């Protein structure tokens, strides 16, 4: 899995990826909470698998998240946070407000579609 730089320029209008060698995850500041949650999940899963006593060695090796992936996520988080530290307080506040709006919209836009409940049959078949 490859990641785009923390402050990569947006992709051109052609829809091509930015210059990131096939980035799979956008890494703008609005994804920082998701990256933290992903890192926490990786660390939790690693500890859970390593603590499991009844797991074969080959299964443990396959199930444990790689140290490379954990390191990559940590460095990505560090780059995004370092970019934020370079900003003024006013700029960070503006970004915080924009991130709140983007994440709210993303939550609504990515929600699962709701299925309507079937209406009850108020006219059962008559046998007259």
N, C-alpha and C. Protein backbone atom coordinates (compact mmCIF):
# COMPACT_ATOMS: atom_id res chain seq x y z
N UNK A 1 0.85 -1.17 0.00
CA UNK A 1 0.00 0.00 0.00
C UNK A 1 0.89 1.22 0.00
N UNK A 2 0.63 2.14 -0.91
CA UNK A 2 1.42 3.36 -0.98
C UNK A 2 0.54 4.55 -0.63
N UNK A 3 1.16 5.57 -0.08
CA UNK A 3 0.42 6.73 0.37
C UNK A 3 0.92 7.97 -0.34
N UNK A 4 0.03 8.91 -0.56
CA UNK A 4 0.40 10.19 -1.14
C UNK A 4 1.11 11.03 -0.09
N UNK A 5 1.97 11.96 -0.50
CA UNK A 5 2.58 12.85 0.48
C UNK A 5 1.52 13.61 1.25
N UNK A 6 1.88 14.05 2.43
CA UNK A 6 0.90 14.68 3.32
C UNK A 6 0.22 15.88 2.68
N UNK A 7 0.93 16.68 1.94
CA UNK A 7 0.33 17.86 1.32
C UNK A 7 0.53 17.80 -0.18
N UNK A 8 0.16 16.69 -0.78
CA UNK A 8 0.31 16.51 -2.22
C UNK A 8 -0.65 17.44 -2.94
N UNK A 9 -0.24 17.91 -4.12
CA UNK A 9 -1.17 18.73 -4.89
C UNK A 9 -2.33 17.88 -5.37
N UNK A 10 -3.48 18.48 -5.60
CA UNK A 10 -4.62 17.69 -6.06
C UNK A 10 -4.34 17.06 -7.41
N UNK A 11 -5.03 15.99 -7.70
CA UNK A 11 -4.86 15.32 -8.99
C UNK A 11 -5.35 16.24 -10.10
N UNK A 12 -4.73 16.13 -11.27
CA UNK A 12 -5.20 16.96 -12.38
C UNK A 12 -6.63 16.59 -12.77
N UNK A 13 -7.24 17.42 -13.57
CA UNK A 13 -8.64 17.21 -13.96
C UNK A 13 -8.83 15.91 -14.75
N UNK A 14 -7.77 15.32 -15.23
CA UNK A 14 -7.88 14.09 -15.99
C UNK A 14 -8.22 12.91 -15.10
N UNK A 15 -8.13 13.08 -13.80
CA UNK A 15 -8.44 12.00 -12.88
C UNK A 15 -7.22 11.16 -12.55
N UNK A 16 -6.06 11.51 -13.07
CA UNK A 16 -4.85 10.75 -12.78
C UNK A 16 -4.41 11.02 -11.36
N UNK A 17 -3.67 10.07 -10.79
CA UNK A 17 -3.15 10.25 -9.44
C UNK A 17 -2.12 11.36 -9.44
N UNK A 18 -1.96 12.06 -8.31
CA UNK A 18 -0.86 13.01 -8.22
C UNK A 18 0.45 12.25 -8.31
N UNK A 19 1.54 12.93 -8.36
CA UNK A 19 2.83 12.29 -8.56
C UNK A 19 3.21 11.48 -7.33
N UNK A 20 2.60 10.31 -7.16
CA UNK A 20 2.83 9.51 -5.97
C UNK A 20 3.05 8.04 -6.25
N UNK A 21 3.21 7.66 -7.47
CA UNK A 21 3.41 6.25 -7.81
C UNK A 21 2.28 5.40 -7.28
N UNK A 22 1.12 5.62 -7.80
CA UNK A 22 -0.11 4.87 -7.50
C UNK A 22 -0.54 4.96 -6.04
N UNK A 23 -0.83 6.16 -5.60
CA UNK A 23 -1.32 6.36 -4.24
C UNK A 23 -2.68 5.69 -4.08
N UNK A 24 -2.89 5.04 -2.96
CA UNK A 24 -4.15 4.36 -2.71
C UNK A 24 -5.01 5.12 -1.73
N UNK A 25 -4.40 5.91 -0.86
CA UNK A 25 -5.15 6.62 0.17
C UNK A 25 -4.75 8.08 0.11
N UNK A 26 -5.74 8.94 0.07
CA UNK A 26 -5.46 10.36 0.12
C UNK A 26 -5.03 10.71 1.53
N UNK A 27 -4.03 11.56 1.65
CA UNK A 27 -3.50 11.83 2.98
C UNK A 27 -3.57 13.30 3.35
N UNK A 28 -4.63 13.95 2.94
CA UNK A 28 -4.75 15.32 3.40
C UNK A 28 -5.09 15.30 4.89
N UNK A 29 -5.06 16.47 5.47
CA UNK A 29 -5.21 16.61 6.92
C UNK A 29 -6.53 16.04 7.42
N UNK A 30 -7.55 16.00 6.59
CA UNK A 30 -8.85 15.51 7.04
C UNK A 30 -8.83 14.01 7.34
N UNK A 31 -7.82 13.31 6.86
CA UNK A 31 -7.72 11.87 7.12
C UNK A 31 -6.89 11.55 8.36
N UNK A 32 -6.38 12.56 9.03
CA UNK A 32 -5.52 12.32 10.20
C UNK A 32 -6.21 11.51 11.29
N UNK A 33 -7.45 11.79 11.67
CA UNK A 33 -8.10 10.94 12.69
C UNK A 33 -8.24 9.49 12.22
N UNK A 34 -8.51 9.29 10.93
CA UNK A 34 -8.61 7.93 10.40
C UNK A 34 -7.27 7.22 10.43
N UNK A 35 -6.20 7.95 10.13
CA UNK A 35 -4.87 7.35 10.19
C UNK A 35 -4.50 6.97 11.62
N UNK A 36 -4.84 7.83 12.58
CA UNK A 36 -4.59 7.49 13.98
C UNK A 36 -5.37 6.24 14.38
N UNK A 37 -6.63 6.16 13.97
CA UNK A 37 -7.45 4.98 14.29
C UNK A 37 -6.89 3.74 13.63
N UNK A 38 -6.42 3.86 12.39
CA UNK A 38 -5.84 2.72 11.67
C UNK A 38 -4.57 2.24 12.37
N UNK A 39 -3.72 3.18 12.79
CA UNK A 39 -2.50 2.81 13.51
C UNK A 39 -2.84 2.12 14.82
N UNK A 40 -3.81 2.65 15.54
CA UNK A 40 -4.23 2.01 16.80
C UNK A 40 -4.74 0.59 16.55
N UNK A 41 -5.51 0.40 15.47
CA UNK A 41 -6.00 -0.93 15.12
C UNK A 41 -4.85 -1.88 14.81
N UNK A 42 -3.87 -1.39 14.03
CA UNK A 42 -2.71 -2.23 13.70
C UNK A 42 -1.98 -2.66 14.96
N UNK A 43 -1.75 -1.72 15.87
CA UNK A 43 -1.02 -2.03 17.10
C UNK A 43 -1.82 -2.98 17.99
N UNK A 44 -3.12 -2.74 18.08
CA UNK A 44 -3.98 -3.64 18.87
C UNK A 44 -3.99 -5.04 18.29
N UNK A 45 -4.13 -5.14 16.96
CA UNK A 45 -4.15 -6.45 16.32
C UNK A 45 -2.82 -7.18 16.48
N UNK A 46 -1.72 -6.44 16.39
CA UNK A 46 -0.41 -7.06 16.57
C UNK A 46 -0.28 -7.64 17.97
N UNK A 47 -0.69 -6.87 18.97
CA UNK A 47 -0.60 -7.36 20.35
C UNK A 47 -1.53 -8.55 20.58
N UNK A 48 -2.71 -8.50 20.01
CA UNK A 48 -3.68 -9.58 20.18
C UNK A 48 -3.13 -10.89 19.57
N UNK A 49 -2.56 -10.79 18.37
CA UNK A 49 -2.04 -11.99 17.70
C UNK A 49 -0.82 -12.52 18.45
N UNK A 50 0.06 -11.64 18.88
CA UNK A 50 1.26 -12.08 19.59
C UNK A 50 0.92 -12.69 20.95
N UNK A 51 -0.19 -12.25 21.55
CA UNK A 51 -0.58 -12.78 22.85
C UNK A 51 -1.33 -14.11 22.74
N UNK A 52 -1.82 -14.43 21.56
CA UNK A 52 -2.55 -15.69 21.38
C UNK A 52 -1.59 -16.86 21.48
N UNK A 53 -1.85 -17.76 22.42
CA UNK A 53 -0.94 -18.88 22.66
C UNK A 53 -1.19 -20.06 21.74
N UNK A 54 -2.42 -20.22 21.29
CA UNK A 54 -2.78 -21.42 20.54
C UNK A 54 -2.72 -21.22 19.03
N UNK A 55 -1.92 -20.28 18.57
CA UNK A 55 -1.83 -20.00 17.13
C UNK A 55 -0.53 -20.58 16.61
N UNK A 56 -0.63 -21.28 15.48
CA UNK A 56 0.58 -21.81 14.84
C UNK A 56 1.47 -20.67 14.40
N UNK A 57 2.76 -20.96 14.32
CA UNK A 57 3.74 -19.93 13.97
C UNK A 57 3.46 -19.33 12.59
N UNK A 58 3.11 -20.17 11.61
CA UNK A 58 2.87 -19.65 10.26
C UNK A 58 1.64 -18.74 10.24
N UNK A 59 0.61 -19.09 11.02
CA UNK A 59 -0.60 -18.27 11.09
C UNK A 59 -0.30 -16.94 11.77
N UNK A 60 0.52 -16.99 12.80
CA UNK A 60 0.90 -15.77 13.50
C UNK A 60 1.67 -14.84 12.56
N UNK A 61 2.60 -15.41 11.79
CA UNK A 61 3.40 -14.61 10.87
C UNK A 61 2.52 -13.94 9.80
N UNK A 62 1.48 -14.64 9.37
CA UNK A 62 0.58 -14.09 8.35
C UNK A 62 -0.37 -13.04 8.93
N UNK A 63 -0.77 -13.21 10.18
CA UNK A 63 -1.77 -12.34 10.78
C UNK A 63 -1.20 -11.06 11.38
N UNK A 64 0.05 -11.06 11.77
CA UNK A 64 0.65 -9.90 12.41
C UNK A 64 0.89 -8.81 11.37
N UNK A 65 0.42 -7.58 11.62
CA UNK A 65 0.73 -6.49 10.69
C UNK A 65 2.24 -6.28 10.62
N UNK A 66 2.72 -5.98 9.44
CA UNK A 66 4.17 -5.85 9.26
C UNK A 66 4.68 -4.60 9.97
N UNK A 67 5.92 -4.70 10.43
CA UNK A 67 6.57 -3.56 11.06
C UNK A 67 6.73 -2.43 10.05
N UNK A 68 6.91 -2.79 8.79
CA UNK A 68 7.06 -1.79 7.73
C UNK A 68 5.78 -0.96 7.58
N UNK A 69 4.63 -1.62 7.63
CA UNK A 69 3.36 -0.91 7.50
C UNK A 69 3.14 0.02 8.69
N UNK A 70 3.44 -0.47 9.88
CA UNK A 70 3.28 0.36 11.09
C UNK A 70 4.20 1.56 11.03
N UNK A 71 5.44 1.35 10.60
CA UNK A 71 6.40 2.44 10.48
C UNK A 71 5.94 3.45 9.43
N UNK A 72 5.42 2.95 8.33
CA UNK A 72 4.96 3.84 7.26
C UNK A 72 3.79 4.71 7.74
N UNK A 73 2.85 4.13 8.46
CA UNK A 73 1.71 4.90 8.97
C UNK A 73 2.19 5.93 9.99
N UNK A 74 3.10 5.52 10.86
CA UNK A 74 3.63 6.47 11.86
C UNK A 74 4.34 7.64 11.19
N UNK A 75 5.13 7.36 10.16
CA UNK A 75 5.85 8.46 9.49
C UNK A 75 4.88 9.35 8.72
N UNK A 76 3.83 8.77 8.16
CA UNK A 76 2.82 9.55 7.47
C UNK A 76 2.12 10.49 8.44
N UNK A 77 1.74 9.98 9.59
CA UNK A 77 1.11 10.81 10.62
C UNK A 77 2.06 11.92 11.05
N UNK A 78 3.32 11.57 11.24
CA UNK A 78 4.31 12.57 11.67
C UNK A 78 4.48 13.67 10.62
N UNK A 79 4.47 13.29 9.33
CA UNK A 79 4.61 14.31 8.28
C UNK A 79 3.42 15.25 8.26
N UNK A 80 2.22 14.70 8.41
CA UNK A 80 1.03 15.55 8.41
C UNK A 80 1.05 16.48 9.61
N UNK A 81 1.39 15.94 10.78
CA UNK A 81 1.43 16.78 11.99
C UNK A 81 2.54 17.81 11.91
N UNK A 82 3.68 17.47 11.30
CA UNK A 82 4.76 18.44 11.14
C UNK A 82 4.32 19.57 10.22
N UNK A 83 3.56 19.22 9.18
CA UNK A 83 3.04 20.26 8.29
C UNK A 83 2.08 21.18 9.01
N UNK A 84 1.31 20.64 9.93
CA UNK A 84 0.39 21.47 10.70
C UNK A 84 1.14 22.38 11.67
N UNK A 85 2.23 21.88 12.23
CA UNK A 85 3.00 22.68 13.19
C UNK A 85 3.66 23.88 12.53
N UNK A 86 3.88 23.80 11.21
CA UNK A 86 4.50 24.92 10.50
C UNK A 86 3.53 26.06 10.24
N UNK A 87 2.26 25.85 10.49
CA UNK A 87 1.25 26.87 10.22
C UNK A 87 1.04 27.77 11.43
N UNK A 88 0.48 28.93 11.17
CA UNK A 88 0.13 29.83 12.27
C UNK A 88 -1.13 29.31 12.95
N UNK A 89 -1.43 29.86 14.11
CA UNK A 89 -2.62 29.44 14.85
C UNK A 89 -3.88 29.72 14.04
N UNK A 90 -3.92 30.86 13.36
CA UNK A 90 -5.10 31.20 12.56
C UNK A 90 -5.28 30.22 11.40
N UNK A 91 -4.17 29.85 10.77
CA UNK A 91 -4.25 28.89 9.66
C UNK A 91 -4.70 27.51 10.16
N UNK A 92 -4.18 27.12 11.31
CA UNK A 92 -4.61 25.83 11.89
C UNK A 92 -6.09 25.85 12.23
N UNK A 93 -6.57 26.98 12.72
CA UNK A 93 -8.00 27.11 13.04
C UNK A 93 -8.84 27.00 11.77
N UNK A 94 -8.40 27.66 10.70
CA UNK A 94 -9.14 27.57 9.43
C UNK A 94 -9.14 26.14 8.91
N UNK A 95 -8.01 25.47 9.00
CA UNK A 95 -7.93 24.09 8.55
C UNK A 95 -8.81 23.20 9.42
N UNK A 96 -8.81 23.44 10.71
CA UNK A 96 -9.67 22.67 11.61
C UNK A 96 -11.13 22.80 11.25
N UNK A 97 -11.55 24.02 10.94
CA UNK A 97 -12.95 24.23 10.53
C UNK A 97 -13.25 23.53 9.21
N UNK A 98 -12.32 23.63 8.26
CA UNK A 98 -12.51 22.99 6.96
C UNK A 98 -12.56 21.47 7.11
N UNK A 99 -11.69 20.93 7.96
CA UNK A 99 -11.67 19.49 8.19
C UNK A 99 -12.98 19.02 8.79
N UNK A 100 -13.52 19.79 9.71
CA UNK A 100 -14.80 19.44 10.32
C UNK A 100 -15.90 19.35 9.26
N UNK A 101 -15.92 20.32 8.37
CA UNK A 101 -16.93 20.33 7.31
C UNK A 101 -16.74 19.15 6.36
N UNK A 102 -15.49 18.92 5.95
CA UNK A 102 -15.20 17.82 5.02
C UNK A 102 -15.55 16.49 5.65
N UNK A 103 -15.17 16.28 6.90
CA UNK A 103 -15.46 15.00 7.55
C UNK A 103 -16.96 14.80 7.75
N UNK A 104 -17.68 15.86 8.05
CA UNK A 104 -19.13 15.76 8.19
C UNK A 104 -19.76 15.36 6.86
N UNK A 105 -19.31 16.00 5.79
CA UNK A 105 -19.84 15.67 4.46
C UNK A 105 -19.45 14.24 4.07
N UNK A 106 -18.23 13.86 4.36
CA UNK A 106 -17.77 12.51 4.02
C UNK A 106 -18.59 11.47 4.76
N UNK A 107 -18.93 11.74 6.01
CA UNK A 107 -19.73 10.80 6.78
C UNK A 107 -21.11 10.64 6.17
N UNK A 108 -21.70 11.73 5.75
CA UNK A 108 -23.03 11.68 5.14
C UNK A 108 -22.95 11.04 3.77
N UNK A 109 -21.97 11.42 2.97
CA UNK A 109 -21.87 10.93 1.60
C UNK A 109 -21.51 9.45 1.55
N UNK A 110 -20.77 8.97 2.53
CA UNK A 110 -20.33 7.58 2.51
C UNK A 110 -21.24 6.66 3.32
N UNK A 111 -22.29 7.20 3.87
CA UNK A 111 -23.22 6.38 4.64
C UNK A 111 -23.88 5.34 3.75
N UNK A 112 -24.22 4.23 4.35
CA UNK A 112 -24.89 3.19 3.59
C UNK A 112 -26.30 3.62 3.25
N UNK A 113 -26.76 3.25 2.08
CA UNK A 113 -28.14 3.62 1.74
C UNK A 113 -29.12 2.90 2.66
N UNK A 114 -30.17 3.56 2.97
CA UNK A 114 -31.17 2.97 3.85
C UNK A 114 -32.20 2.26 3.01
N UNK A 115 -32.62 1.13 3.51
CA UNK A 115 -33.67 0.39 2.82
C UNK A 115 -34.99 0.74 3.49
N UNK A 116 -35.95 1.01 2.67
CA UNK A 116 -37.27 1.32 3.22
C UNK A 116 -37.91 0.03 3.69
N UNK A 117 -38.62 0.14 4.79
CA UNK A 117 -39.34 -1.02 5.29
C UNK A 117 -40.56 -1.26 4.42
N UNK A 118 -40.87 -2.51 4.24
CA UNK A 118 -42.07 -2.85 3.47
C UNK A 118 -43.30 -2.38 4.24
N UNK A 119 -44.21 -1.82 3.51
CA UNK A 119 -45.44 -1.37 4.15
C UNK A 119 -46.30 -2.57 4.51
N UNK A 120 -46.97 -2.52 5.64
CA UNK A 120 -47.81 -3.64 6.01
C UNK A 120 -48.99 -3.75 5.04
N UNK A 121 -49.39 -4.96 4.80
CA UNK A 121 -50.50 -5.21 3.89
C UNK A 121 -51.79 -4.91 4.65
N UNK A 122 -52.42 -3.79 4.34
CA UNK A 122 -53.63 -3.42 5.08
C UNK A 122 -54.88 -4.03 4.46
N UNK A 123 -54.74 -4.64 3.32
CA UNK A 123 -55.87 -5.31 2.67
C UNK A 123 -55.53 -6.78 2.42
N UNK A 124 -55.68 -7.58 3.45
CA UNK A 124 -55.36 -8.99 3.24
C UNK A 124 -56.31 -9.58 2.20
N UNK A 125 -55.85 -10.62 1.57
CA UNK A 125 -56.67 -11.27 0.54
C UNK A 125 -58.01 -11.69 1.14
N UNK A 126 -59.06 -11.38 0.43
CA UNK A 126 -60.42 -11.75 0.89
C UNK A 126 -60.79 -13.07 0.24
N UNK A 127 -61.42 -13.88 0.99
CA UNK A 127 -61.83 -15.20 0.49
C UNK A 127 -63.34 -15.27 0.27
N UNK A 128 -64.00 -14.18 0.01
CA UNK A 128 -65.46 -14.17 -0.13
C UNK A 128 -65.91 -14.56 -1.49
